[in-house]
Amino acid sequence: MAIEAPLGMLLLTGGQGRRLGGPKHDRTHPAGGTWGGHLVRVFREVFPSGPVQILGEPLPDLEDLLGKGITVVSDPRQGPGVALSTWARSEPPLAVRWWVVPCDQVAWTARDLLAWYSLADDVDPSGRGWVMVREGEREQPLGGFMGSELLPCLASFEASRVRDLVARLPRCIVECQAYRGMDVDDPEDLKVWKEARP
């Protein structure tokens, strides 16, 4: 019987990045490598043996690690919700839960991820729900943790938007100071992120 990792990473890299003038996953991160590669390195610092699934485009700075716990899964390009459902049907590796993070949540550090994961593990120790943060009046599923028990339900749904998918799943809504899921979607977001960096 296979041993489950406590956490796997599902990195979404299939977006077009139209508001930033092109794809975001392979942009250069100030900490080195690409935006997506930075997130994988943050994850691996905390969970060195956790499986990593890249949903969409491969990352040039991680090509030598493909097949070593990192795999690329095809994105049908019909919206992130459809991509997640397709991934759920692909028989992903075993993990108690998955960190579902888009490549544009570039502010994560290993320390913040560990604090956020610890909170998720406290509120949903069995991985039966989707742990997500509340930002003001809005619930943000991306950057959150999806329990593996949700995979069969997720595989059976079809919706182009992630919010429409998670509305049909058990959720744990929390507030967390360690959450660093600010999406960099447009030039103004990019400016705010760059100015906020230490």
N, C-alpha and C. Protein backbone atom coordinates (compact mmCIF):
# COMPACT_ATOMS: atom_id res chain seq x y z
N MET A 1 0.85 -1.20 0.00
CA MET A 1 0.00 0.00 0.00
C MET A 1 0.88 1.24 0.00
N ALA A 2 0.57 2.20 -0.86
CA ALA A 2 1.36 3.42 -0.98
C ALA A 2 1.15 4.32 0.23
N ILE A 3 2.20 5.01 0.62
CA ILE A 3 2.12 5.95 1.74
C ILE A 3 1.71 7.31 1.19
N GLU A 4 0.71 7.90 1.79
CA GLU A 4 0.26 9.21 1.35
C GLU A 4 1.17 10.30 1.90
N ALA A 5 1.49 11.28 1.05
CA ALA A 5 2.18 12.48 1.53
C ALA A 5 1.16 13.35 2.24
N PRO A 6 1.59 14.13 3.24
CA PRO A 6 0.61 15.01 3.89
C PRO A 6 0.09 16.08 2.95
N LEU A 7 0.93 16.53 2.01
CA LEU A 7 0.52 17.61 1.12
C LEU A 7 1.15 17.42 -0.25
N GLY A 8 0.31 17.58 -1.28
CA GLY A 8 0.79 17.67 -2.65
C GLY A 8 0.55 19.08 -3.14
N MET A 9 1.22 19.43 -4.22
CA MET A 9 1.07 20.77 -4.80
C MET A 9 0.49 20.65 -6.20
N LEU A 10 -0.57 21.40 -6.45
CA LEU A 10 -1.14 21.50 -7.79
C LEU A 10 -0.96 22.94 -8.24
N LEU A 11 -0.03 23.16 -9.16
CA LEU A 11 0.31 24.49 -9.64
C LEU A 11 -0.38 24.74 -10.97
N LEU A 12 -1.20 25.80 -11.02
CA LEU A 12 -1.93 26.14 -12.24
C LEU A 12 -1.10 27.09 -13.09
N THR A 13 -0.73 26.65 -14.29
CA THR A 13 0.12 27.46 -15.17
C THR A 13 -0.50 27.68 -16.55
N GLY A 14 -1.78 27.37 -16.71
CA GLY A 14 -2.38 27.40 -18.03
C GLY A 14 -3.01 28.71 -18.45
N GLY A 15 -2.97 29.74 -17.60
CA GLY A 15 -3.62 31.00 -17.94
C GLY A 15 -2.90 31.77 -19.03
N GLN A 16 -3.64 32.64 -19.69
CA GLN A 16 -3.07 33.42 -20.79
C GLN A 16 -2.42 34.73 -20.33
N GLY A 17 -2.78 35.22 -19.14
CA GLY A 17 -2.19 36.45 -18.62
C GLY A 17 -2.45 37.66 -19.50
N ARG A 18 -3.62 37.73 -20.07
CA ARG A 18 -3.92 38.81 -21.03
C ARG A 18 -3.73 40.21 -20.43
N ARG A 19 -4.14 40.39 -19.17
CA ARG A 19 -4.03 41.73 -18.57
C ARG A 19 -2.59 42.13 -18.28
N LEU A 20 -1.68 41.15 -18.27
CA LEU A 20 -0.27 41.47 -18.11
C LEU A 20 0.50 41.34 -19.42
N GLY A 21 -0.22 41.12 -20.51
CA GLY A 21 0.41 41.07 -21.81
C GLY A 21 1.04 39.74 -22.18
N GLY A 22 0.69 38.68 -21.48
CA GLY A 22 1.22 37.36 -21.82
C GLY A 22 1.26 36.45 -20.61
N PRO A 23 1.61 35.18 -20.83
CA PRO A 23 1.63 34.19 -19.74
C PRO A 23 2.46 34.65 -18.56
N LYS A 24 2.07 34.16 -17.37
CA LYS A 24 2.73 34.59 -16.15
C LYS A 24 3.67 33.53 -15.57
N HIS A 25 3.42 32.26 -15.87
CA HIS A 25 4.14 31.19 -15.19
C HIS A 25 5.65 31.25 -15.37
N ASP A 26 6.13 31.77 -16.53
CA ASP A 26 7.56 31.77 -16.80
C ASP A 26 8.21 33.15 -16.67
N ARG A 27 7.50 34.09 -16.04
CA ARG A 27 8.10 35.40 -15.77
C ARG A 27 9.19 35.23 -14.71
N THR A 28 10.17 36.11 -14.73
CA THR A 28 11.28 36.03 -13.79
C THR A 28 10.86 36.52 -12.42
N HIS A 29 11.13 35.70 -11.40
CA HIS A 29 10.85 36.07 -10.02
C HIS A 29 12.09 36.71 -9.41
N PRO A 30 11.94 37.78 -8.60
CA PRO A 30 13.12 38.41 -8.00
C PRO A 30 13.96 37.46 -7.15
N ALA A 31 13.36 36.41 -6.60
CA ALA A 31 14.11 35.44 -5.79
C ALA A 31 14.88 34.44 -6.64
N GLY A 32 14.72 34.51 -7.97
CA GLY A 32 15.38 33.60 -8.89
C GLY A 32 14.39 32.67 -9.56
N GLY A 33 14.72 32.26 -10.78
CA GLY A 33 13.86 31.37 -11.54
C GLY A 33 12.58 32.05 -11.99
N THR A 34 11.60 31.24 -12.31
CA THR A 34 10.32 31.75 -12.81
C THR A 34 9.33 31.91 -11.66
N TRP A 35 8.21 32.58 -11.96
CA TRP A 35 7.16 32.69 -10.94
C TRP A 35 6.73 31.31 -10.47
N GLY A 36 6.42 30.43 -11.44
CA GLY A 36 5.98 29.08 -11.07
C GLY A 36 7.07 28.29 -10.37
N GLY A 37 8.31 28.41 -10.85
CA GLY A 37 9.43 27.72 -10.23
C GLY A 37 9.64 28.17 -8.79
N HIS A 38 9.45 29.46 -8.53
CA HIS A 38 9.57 29.98 -7.16
C HIS A 38 8.58 29.26 -6.23
N LEU A 39 7.35 29.11 -6.69
CA LEU A 39 6.33 28.46 -5.86
C LEU A 39 6.67 26.99 -5.60
N VAL A 40 7.20 26.31 -6.61
CA VAL A 40 7.60 24.91 -6.40
C VAL A 40 8.74 24.85 -5.39
N ARG A 41 9.70 25.76 -5.47
CA ARG A 41 10.81 25.75 -4.52
C ARG A 41 10.32 26.04 -3.10
N VAL A 42 9.38 26.96 -2.95
CA VAL A 42 8.79 27.24 -1.64
C VAL A 42 8.13 25.97 -1.09
N PHE A 43 7.34 25.31 -1.93
CA PHE A 43 6.66 24.08 -1.50
C PHE A 43 7.66 23.01 -1.09
N ARG A 44 8.69 22.80 -1.92
CA ARG A 44 9.67 21.75 -1.66
C ARG A 44 10.52 22.04 -0.42
N GLU A 45 10.66 23.30 -0.06
CA GLU A 45 11.38 23.64 1.16
C GLU A 45 10.63 23.13 2.39
N VAL A 46 9.30 23.16 2.32
CA VAL A 46 8.48 22.72 3.45
C VAL A 46 8.14 21.24 3.35
N PHE A 47 7.85 20.77 2.14
CA PHE A 47 7.46 19.38 1.90
C PHE A 47 8.37 18.78 0.83
N PRO A 48 9.60 18.41 1.18
CA PRO A 48 10.58 18.00 0.18
C PRO A 48 10.19 16.76 -0.62
N SER A 49 9.35 15.90 -0.07
CA SER A 49 8.97 14.69 -0.82
C SER A 49 7.53 14.73 -1.31
N GLY A 50 6.84 15.85 -1.13
CA GLY A 50 5.45 15.94 -1.58
C GLY A 50 5.37 15.96 -3.10
N PRO A 51 4.37 15.29 -3.68
CA PRO A 51 4.22 15.30 -5.14
C PRO A 51 3.84 16.69 -5.65
N VAL A 52 4.36 17.04 -6.82
CA VAL A 52 4.04 18.31 -7.47
C VAL A 52 3.45 18.00 -8.84
N GLN A 53 2.27 18.53 -9.08
CA GLN A 53 1.61 18.40 -10.37
C GLN A 53 1.48 19.81 -10.96
N ILE A 54 2.01 20.00 -12.15
CA ILE A 54 1.91 21.28 -12.85
C ILE A 54 0.80 21.14 -13.87
N LEU A 55 -0.27 21.88 -13.68
CA LEU A 55 -1.46 21.77 -14.52
C LEU A 55 -1.40 22.88 -15.57
N GLY A 56 -0.93 22.53 -16.76
CA GLY A 56 -0.81 23.52 -17.83
C GLY A 56 0.54 23.46 -18.48
N GLU A 57 1.25 24.60 -18.45
CA GLU A 57 2.52 24.73 -19.14
C GLU A 57 3.69 24.31 -18.24
N PRO A 58 4.69 23.61 -18.82
CA PRO A 58 5.87 23.26 -18.03
C PRO A 58 6.69 24.52 -17.71
N LEU A 59 7.59 24.40 -16.75
CA LEU A 59 8.43 25.52 -16.32
C LEU A 59 9.87 25.27 -16.75
N PRO A 60 10.48 26.22 -17.47
CA PRO A 60 11.83 25.99 -17.99
C PRO A 60 12.88 25.76 -16.90
N ASP A 61 12.70 26.35 -15.72
CA ASP A 61 13.70 26.18 -14.67
C ASP A 61 13.51 24.89 -13.86
N LEU A 62 12.53 24.07 -14.23
CA LEU A 62 12.30 22.80 -13.51
C LEU A 62 12.40 21.59 -14.43
N GLU A 63 12.83 21.78 -15.67
CA GLU A 63 12.84 20.67 -16.64
C GLU A 63 13.65 19.48 -16.15
N ASP A 64 14.76 19.74 -15.44
CA ASP A 64 15.61 18.64 -14.98
C ASP A 64 14.98 17.86 -13.83
N LEU A 65 13.89 18.38 -13.25
CA LEU A 65 13.24 17.69 -12.13
C LEU A 65 11.99 16.91 -12.56
N LEU A 66 11.61 17.03 -13.83
CA LEU A 66 10.43 16.29 -14.29
C LEU A 66 10.66 14.79 -14.11
N GLY A 67 9.65 14.12 -13.59
CA GLY A 67 9.76 12.70 -13.31
C GLY A 67 10.32 12.40 -11.94
N LYS A 68 10.82 13.40 -11.23
CA LYS A 68 11.35 13.22 -9.87
C LYS A 68 10.36 13.81 -8.88
N GLY A 69 9.15 13.32 -8.93
CA GLY A 69 8.09 13.83 -8.06
C GLY A 69 7.38 15.04 -8.63
N ILE A 70 7.80 15.49 -9.82
CA ILE A 70 7.16 16.62 -10.49
C ILE A 70 6.69 16.17 -11.86
N THR A 71 5.40 16.33 -12.13
CA THR A 71 4.87 15.96 -13.44
C THR A 71 4.01 17.10 -13.98
N VAL A 72 3.90 17.13 -15.30
CA VAL A 72 3.06 18.13 -15.98
C VAL A 72 1.81 17.41 -16.47
N VAL A 73 0.65 18.00 -16.18
CA VAL A 73 -0.64 17.44 -16.59
C VAL A 73 -1.27 18.40 -17.59
N SER A 74 -1.84 17.87 -18.64
CA SER A 74 -2.43 18.70 -19.70
C SER A 74 -3.66 19.47 -19.20
N ASP A 75 -3.73 20.72 -19.61
CA ASP A 75 -4.86 21.60 -19.31
C ASP A 75 -5.69 21.73 -20.59
N PRO A 76 -6.98 21.37 -20.56
CA PRO A 76 -7.79 21.44 -21.79
C PRO A 76 -8.09 22.86 -22.26
N ARG A 77 -7.68 23.87 -21.49
CA ARG A 77 -7.84 25.28 -21.87
C ARG A 77 -9.31 25.69 -22.03
N GLN A 78 -10.13 25.23 -21.09
CA GLN A 78 -11.55 25.61 -21.08
C GLN A 78 -11.91 26.29 -19.76
N GLY A 79 -10.93 26.88 -19.13
CA GLY A 79 -11.14 27.54 -17.85
C GLY A 79 -10.54 26.72 -16.72
N PRO A 80 -10.19 27.39 -15.61
CA PRO A 80 -9.54 26.68 -14.50
C PRO A 80 -10.42 25.63 -13.84
N GLY A 81 -11.73 25.83 -13.83
CA GLY A 81 -12.62 24.82 -13.25
C GLY A 81 -12.58 23.52 -14.03
N VAL A 82 -12.64 23.60 -15.35
CA VAL A 82 -12.56 22.41 -16.20
C VAL A 82 -11.19 21.76 -16.04
N ALA A 83 -10.15 22.59 -15.95
CA ALA A 83 -8.80 22.04 -15.76
C ALA A 83 -8.72 21.24 -14.47
N LEU A 84 -9.30 21.76 -13.38
CA LEU A 84 -9.27 21.04 -12.10
C LEU A 84 -10.04 19.72 -12.18
N SER A 85 -11.20 19.74 -12.83
CA SER A 85 -11.98 18.50 -12.97
C SER A 85 -11.21 17.47 -13.80
N THR A 86 -10.57 17.93 -14.87
CA THR A 86 -9.77 17.04 -15.71
C THR A 86 -8.62 16.45 -14.91
N TRP A 87 -7.94 17.29 -14.12
CA TRP A 87 -6.85 16.81 -13.28
C TRP A 87 -7.35 15.76 -12.28
N ALA A 88 -8.50 16.01 -11.67
CA ALA A 88 -9.04 15.07 -10.68
C ALA A 88 -9.31 13.70 -11.30
N ARG A 89 -9.63 13.67 -12.59
CA ARG A 89 -9.87 12.39 -13.28
C ARG A 89 -8.58 11.70 -13.72
N SER A 90 -7.43 12.37 -13.57
CA SER A 90 -6.17 11.84 -14.09
C SER A 90 -5.44 10.91 -13.11
N GLU A 91 -6.08 10.56 -12.00
CA GLU A 91 -5.49 9.69 -10.98
C GLU A 91 -4.20 10.29 -10.43
N PRO A 92 -4.31 11.46 -9.77
CA PRO A 92 -3.11 12.09 -9.20
C PRO A 92 -2.47 11.24 -8.11
N PRO A 93 -1.20 11.49 -7.80
CA PRO A 93 -0.54 10.74 -6.72
C PRO A 93 -1.29 10.90 -5.40
N LEU A 94 -1.01 10.02 -4.47
CA LEU A 94 -1.69 10.05 -3.17
C LEU A 94 -1.13 11.15 -2.29
N ALA A 95 -2.03 11.92 -1.72
CA ALA A 95 -1.69 12.95 -0.73
C ALA A 95 -2.94 13.17 0.11
N VAL A 96 -2.78 13.58 1.35
CA VAL A 96 -3.94 13.85 2.20
C VAL A 96 -4.71 15.06 1.67
N ARG A 97 -3.97 16.07 1.26
CA ARG A 97 -4.59 17.27 0.68
C ARG A 97 -3.64 17.86 -0.34
N TRP A 98 -4.20 18.80 -1.14
CA TRP A 98 -3.43 19.46 -2.21
C TRP A 98 -3.48 20.97 -2.01
N TRP A 99 -2.31 21.59 -2.15
CA TRP A 99 -2.22 23.05 -2.19
C TRP A 99 -2.49 23.45 -3.63
N VAL A 100 -3.64 24.04 -3.89
CA VAL A 100 -4.05 24.40 -5.25
C VAL A 100 -3.71 25.88 -5.43
N VAL A 101 -2.63 26.14 -6.16
CA VAL A 101 -2.11 27.51 -6.22
C VAL A 101 -1.84 27.92 -7.67
N PRO A 102 -2.30 29.12 -8.05
CA PRO A 102 -1.99 29.62 -9.39
C PRO A 102 -0.58 30.20 -9.41
N CYS A 103 0.03 30.22 -10.58
CA CYS A 103 1.42 30.67 -10.70
C CYS A 103 1.60 32.15 -10.40
N ASP A 104 0.50 32.91 -10.28
CA ASP A 104 0.65 34.35 -10.04
C ASP A 104 0.52 34.73 -8.56
N GLN A 105 0.46 33.75 -7.66
CA GLN A 105 0.49 34.06 -6.22
C GLN A 105 1.95 34.03 -5.77
N VAL A 106 2.69 35.05 -6.18
CA VAL A 106 4.15 35.04 -6.13
C VAL A 106 4.74 35.48 -4.80
N ALA A 107 3.92 35.87 -3.83
CA ALA A 107 4.44 36.40 -2.56
C ALA A 107 4.67 35.33 -1.50
N TRP A 108 4.37 34.06 -1.80
CA TRP A 108 4.53 33.01 -0.80
C TRP A 108 5.99 32.81 -0.40
N THR A 109 6.18 32.54 0.90
CA THR A 109 7.47 32.11 1.43
C THR A 109 7.24 30.77 2.12
N ALA A 110 8.33 30.05 2.39
CA ALA A 110 8.21 28.77 3.08
C ALA A 110 7.59 28.96 4.46
N ARG A 111 7.98 30.00 5.14
CA ARG A 111 7.43 30.25 6.49
C ARG A 111 5.92 30.47 6.45
N ASP A 112 5.47 31.27 5.48
CA ASP A 112 4.03 31.54 5.37
C ASP A 112 3.26 30.28 4.98
N LEU A 113 3.82 29.49 4.05
CA LEU A 113 3.15 28.26 3.64
C LEU A 113 3.02 27.31 4.82
N LEU A 114 4.06 27.17 5.61
CA LEU A 114 4.01 26.26 6.76
C LEU A 114 2.95 26.72 7.77
N ALA A 115 2.88 28.02 8.04
CA ALA A 115 1.87 28.54 8.97
C ALA A 115 0.46 28.32 8.43
N TRP A 116 0.25 28.56 7.16
CA TRP A 116 -1.06 28.39 6.52
C TRP A 116 -1.44 26.92 6.51
N TYR A 117 -0.49 26.04 6.19
CA TYR A 117 -0.76 24.60 6.20
C TYR A 117 -1.11 24.12 7.61
N SER A 118 -0.38 24.59 8.62
CA SER A 118 -0.66 24.17 10.00
C SER A 118 -2.08 24.52 10.42
N LEU A 119 -2.54 25.70 10.02
CA LEU A 119 -3.91 26.10 10.31
C LEU A 119 -4.90 25.18 9.59
N ALA A 120 -4.63 24.89 8.33
CA ALA A 120 -5.52 24.00 7.56
C ALA A 120 -5.58 22.62 8.18
N ASP A 121 -4.43 22.13 8.63
CA ASP A 121 -4.39 20.80 9.24
C ASP A 121 -5.16 20.78 10.56
N ASP A 122 -5.16 21.90 11.28
CA ASP A 122 -5.93 21.99 12.52
C ASP A 122 -7.43 21.98 12.26
N VAL A 123 -7.88 22.73 11.25
CA VAL A 123 -9.33 22.85 11.01
C VAL A 123 -9.89 21.69 10.19
N ASP A 124 -9.03 20.99 9.45
CA ASP A 124 -9.50 19.88 8.61
C ASP A 124 -8.44 18.77 8.60
N PRO A 125 -8.21 18.10 9.74
CA PRO A 125 -7.09 17.15 9.83
C PRO A 125 -7.21 15.96 8.89
N SER A 126 -8.41 15.59 8.49
CA SER A 126 -8.58 14.42 7.62
C SER A 126 -8.59 14.76 6.14
N GLY A 127 -8.52 16.03 5.79
CA GLY A 127 -8.55 16.41 4.38
C GLY A 127 -9.88 16.13 3.72
N ARG A 128 -10.97 16.49 4.39
CA ARG A 128 -12.31 16.21 3.86
C ARG A 128 -12.98 17.41 3.20
N GLY A 129 -12.37 18.57 3.33
CA GLY A 129 -12.97 19.78 2.76
C GLY A 129 -11.95 20.57 1.99
N TRP A 130 -12.36 21.74 1.54
CA TRP A 130 -11.46 22.68 0.86
C TRP A 130 -11.25 23.83 1.84
N VAL A 131 -10.05 23.93 2.39
CA VAL A 131 -9.73 25.01 3.33
C VAL A 131 -9.33 26.23 2.51
N MET A 132 -10.10 27.31 2.70
CA MET A 132 -9.82 28.53 1.94
C MET A 132 -9.93 29.73 2.86
N VAL A 133 -9.35 30.81 2.41
CA VAL A 133 -9.30 32.02 3.21
C VAL A 133 -10.45 32.95 2.83
N ARG A 134 -10.87 33.75 3.80
CA ARG A 134 -11.83 34.81 3.52
C ARG A 134 -11.05 36.11 3.42
N GLU A 135 -11.21 36.81 2.31
CA GLU A 135 -10.58 38.11 2.09
C GLU A 135 -11.69 39.15 2.03
N GLY A 136 -11.91 39.84 3.14
CA GLY A 136 -13.02 40.79 3.20
C GLY A 136 -14.33 40.03 3.10
N GLU A 137 -15.11 40.34 2.08
CA GLU A 137 -16.39 39.65 1.85
C GLU A 137 -16.24 38.44 0.93
N ARG A 138 -15.05 38.22 0.42
CA ARG A 138 -14.84 37.22 -0.63
C ARG A 138 -14.11 35.99 -0.10
N GLU A 139 -14.53 34.82 -0.56
CA GLU A 139 -13.83 33.58 -0.24
C GLU A 139 -12.89 33.27 -1.40
N GLN A 140 -11.64 32.90 -1.09
CA GLN A 140 -10.63 32.66 -2.12
C GLN A 140 -10.18 31.20 -2.07
N PRO A 141 -10.66 30.36 -3.01
CA PRO A 141 -10.25 28.95 -2.98
C PRO A 141 -8.82 28.72 -3.44
N LEU A 142 -8.32 29.51 -4.40
CA LEU A 142 -6.97 29.29 -4.90
C LEU A 142 -5.95 29.79 -3.88
N GLY A 143 -4.91 28.99 -3.73
CA GLY A 143 -3.96 29.21 -2.64
C GLY A 143 -4.39 28.44 -1.41
N GLY A 144 -5.56 27.82 -1.47
CA GLY A 144 -6.09 27.02 -0.37
C GLY A 144 -5.74 25.55 -0.52
N PHE A 145 -6.28 24.75 0.38
CA PHE A 145 -5.95 23.32 0.45
C PHE A 145 -7.20 22.48 0.19
N MET A 146 -7.12 21.66 -0.84
CA MET A 146 -8.22 20.79 -1.20
C MET A 146 -7.95 19.38 -0.66
N GLY A 147 -8.86 18.89 0.19
CA GLY A 147 -8.73 17.54 0.70
C GLY A 147 -8.90 16.51 -0.40
N SER A 148 -8.08 15.46 -0.37
CA SER A 148 -8.14 14.44 -1.42
C SER A 148 -9.46 13.70 -1.46
N GLU A 149 -10.20 13.70 -0.35
CA GLU A 149 -11.50 13.04 -0.37
C GLU A 149 -12.47 13.73 -1.32
N LEU A 150 -12.15 14.95 -1.75
CA LEU A 150 -13.02 15.68 -2.68
C LEU A 150 -12.78 15.31 -4.14
N LEU A 151 -11.71 14.56 -4.43
CA LEU A 151 -11.36 14.29 -5.82
C LEU A 151 -12.49 13.61 -6.61
N PRO A 152 -13.18 12.59 -6.08
CA PRO A 152 -14.26 11.98 -6.87
C PRO A 152 -15.36 12.98 -7.23
N CYS A 153 -15.75 13.83 -6.28
CA CYS A 153 -16.76 14.84 -6.57
C CYS A 153 -16.25 15.84 -7.60
N LEU A 154 -15.02 16.29 -7.41
CA LEU A 154 -14.43 17.26 -8.32
C LEU A 154 -14.35 16.69 -9.74
N ALA A 155 -14.03 15.41 -9.84
CA ALA A 155 -13.92 14.77 -11.16
C ALA A 155 -15.26 14.69 -11.87
N SER A 156 -16.34 14.68 -11.11
CA SER A 156 -17.67 14.52 -11.73
C SER A 156 -18.31 15.86 -12.11
N PHE A 157 -17.75 16.97 -11.67
CA PHE A 157 -18.33 18.29 -11.96
C PHE A 157 -17.74 18.87 -13.23
N GLU A 158 -18.50 19.73 -13.87
CA GLU A 158 -18.02 20.51 -15.02
C GLU A 158 -18.43 21.95 -14.80
N ALA A 159 -17.47 22.82 -14.64
CA ALA A 159 -17.73 24.25 -14.52
C ALA A 159 -16.45 24.96 -14.93
N SER A 160 -16.55 26.07 -15.64
CA SER A 160 -15.34 26.75 -16.09
C SER A 160 -14.70 27.56 -14.97
N ARG A 161 -15.51 28.02 -14.01
CA ARG A 161 -14.97 28.83 -12.91
C ARG A 161 -14.74 27.98 -11.66
N VAL A 162 -13.62 28.23 -11.00
CA VAL A 162 -13.29 27.50 -9.78
C VAL A 162 -14.34 27.74 -8.71
N ARG A 163 -14.81 28.97 -8.59
CA ARG A 163 -15.81 29.28 -7.55
C ARG A 163 -17.08 28.45 -7.73
N ASP A 164 -17.47 28.20 -8.97
CA ASP A 164 -18.66 27.38 -9.21
C ASP A 164 -18.43 25.93 -8.78
N LEU A 165 -17.20 25.45 -8.94
CA LEU A 165 -16.87 24.09 -8.49
C LEU A 165 -16.91 23.99 -6.98
N VAL A 166 -16.20 24.89 -6.30
CA VAL A 166 -16.08 24.76 -4.85
C VAL A 166 -17.39 25.06 -4.13
N ALA A 167 -18.30 25.77 -4.78
CA ALA A 167 -19.60 26.03 -4.16
C ALA A 167 -20.36 24.73 -3.91
N ARG A 168 -20.00 23.66 -4.62
CA ARG A 168 -20.68 22.38 -4.48
C ARG A 168 -19.93 21.40 -3.58
N LEU A 169 -18.85 21.88 -2.94
CA LEU A 169 -18.00 21.01 -2.13
C LEU A 169 -17.99 21.47 -0.67
N PRO A 170 -17.69 20.55 0.26
CA PRO A 170 -17.53 20.97 1.66
C PRO A 170 -16.35 21.94 1.78
N ARG A 171 -16.54 23.04 2.51
CA ARG A 171 -15.51 24.06 2.63
C ARG A 171 -15.28 24.41 4.09
N CYS A 172 -14.06 24.81 4.38
CA CYS A 172 -13.70 25.37 5.69
C CYS A 172 -13.18 26.77 5.39
N ILE A 173 -13.92 27.78 5.80
CA ILE A 173 -13.55 29.16 5.54
C ILE A 173 -12.85 29.73 6.77
N VAL A 174 -11.63 30.21 6.60
CA VAL A 174 -10.86 30.72 7.74
C VAL A 174 -10.25 32.07 7.38
N GLU A 175 -9.78 32.75 8.41
CA GLU A 175 -8.98 33.95 8.21
C GLU A 175 -7.58 33.62 8.69
N CYS A 176 -6.56 34.06 7.95
CA CYS A 176 -5.20 33.67 8.28
C CYS A 176 -4.24 34.79 7.90
N GLN A 177 -3.47 35.26 8.86
CA GLN A 177 -2.49 36.31 8.59
C GLN A 177 -1.35 35.81 7.71
N ALA A 178 -1.08 34.51 7.73
CA ALA A 178 0.03 33.97 6.94
C ALA A 178 -0.33 33.80 5.47
N TYR A 179 -1.60 33.87 5.15
CA TYR A 179 -2.03 33.66 3.76
C TYR A 179 -1.42 34.74 2.87
N ARG A 180 -0.74 34.32 1.81
CA ARG A 180 -0.07 35.26 0.89
C ARG A 180 -0.55 35.04 -0.54
N GLY A 181 -1.83 34.86 -0.70
CA GLY A 181 -2.37 34.51 -2.00
C GLY A 181 -2.77 35.66 -2.88
N MET A 182 -2.16 36.84 -2.71
CA MET A 182 -2.51 37.96 -3.59
C MET A 182 -2.15 37.61 -5.03
N ASP A 183 -3.15 37.58 -5.89
CA ASP A 183 -2.91 37.31 -7.31
C ASP A 183 -2.32 38.55 -7.96
N VAL A 184 -1.32 38.35 -8.80
CA VAL A 184 -0.78 39.44 -9.61
C VAL A 184 -1.41 39.31 -10.99
N ASP A 185 -2.53 40.01 -11.18
CA ASP A 185 -3.32 39.87 -12.40
C ASP A 185 -3.09 40.95 -13.44
N ASP A 186 -2.70 42.13 -12.99
CA ASP A 186 -2.59 43.26 -13.92
C ASP A 186 -1.41 44.14 -13.52
N PRO A 187 -1.08 45.15 -14.34
CA PRO A 187 0.08 46.00 -14.03
C PRO A 187 0.00 46.66 -12.65
N GLU A 188 -1.19 47.04 -12.20
CA GLU A 188 -1.31 47.66 -10.88
C GLU A 188 -0.96 46.67 -9.76
N ASP A 189 -1.45 45.42 -9.88
CA ASP A 189 -1.09 44.37 -8.90
C ASP A 189 0.42 44.15 -8.89
N LEU A 190 1.03 44.14 -10.07
CA LEU A 190 2.47 43.93 -10.18
C LEU A 190 3.23 45.04 -9.46
N LYS A 191 2.78 46.26 -9.65
CA LYS A 191 3.41 47.40 -8.99
C LYS A 191 3.29 47.30 -7.47
N VAL A 192 2.08 46.96 -6.99
CA VAL A 192 1.85 46.83 -5.54
C VAL A 192 2.75 45.75 -4.96
N TRP A 193 2.85 44.61 -5.63
CA TRP A 193 3.68 43.51 -5.15
C TRP A 193 5.15 43.92 -5.09
N LYS A 194 5.64 44.55 -6.15
CA LYS A 194 7.05 44.95 -6.18
C LYS A 194 7.36 45.98 -5.09
N GLU A 195 6.44 46.89 -4.85
CA GLU A 195 6.65 47.91 -3.82
C GLU A 195 6.59 47.34 -2.41
N ALA A 196 5.82 46.25 -2.25
CA ALA A 196 5.65 45.64 -0.92
C ALA A 196 6.80 44.70 -0.54
N ARG A 197 7.61 44.32 -1.53
CA ARG A 197 8.70 43.39 -1.23
C ARG A 197 9.75 44.05 -0.34
N PRO A 198 10.28 43.32 0.66
CA PRO A 198 11.30 43.90 1.55
C PRO A 198 12.60 44.20 0.80
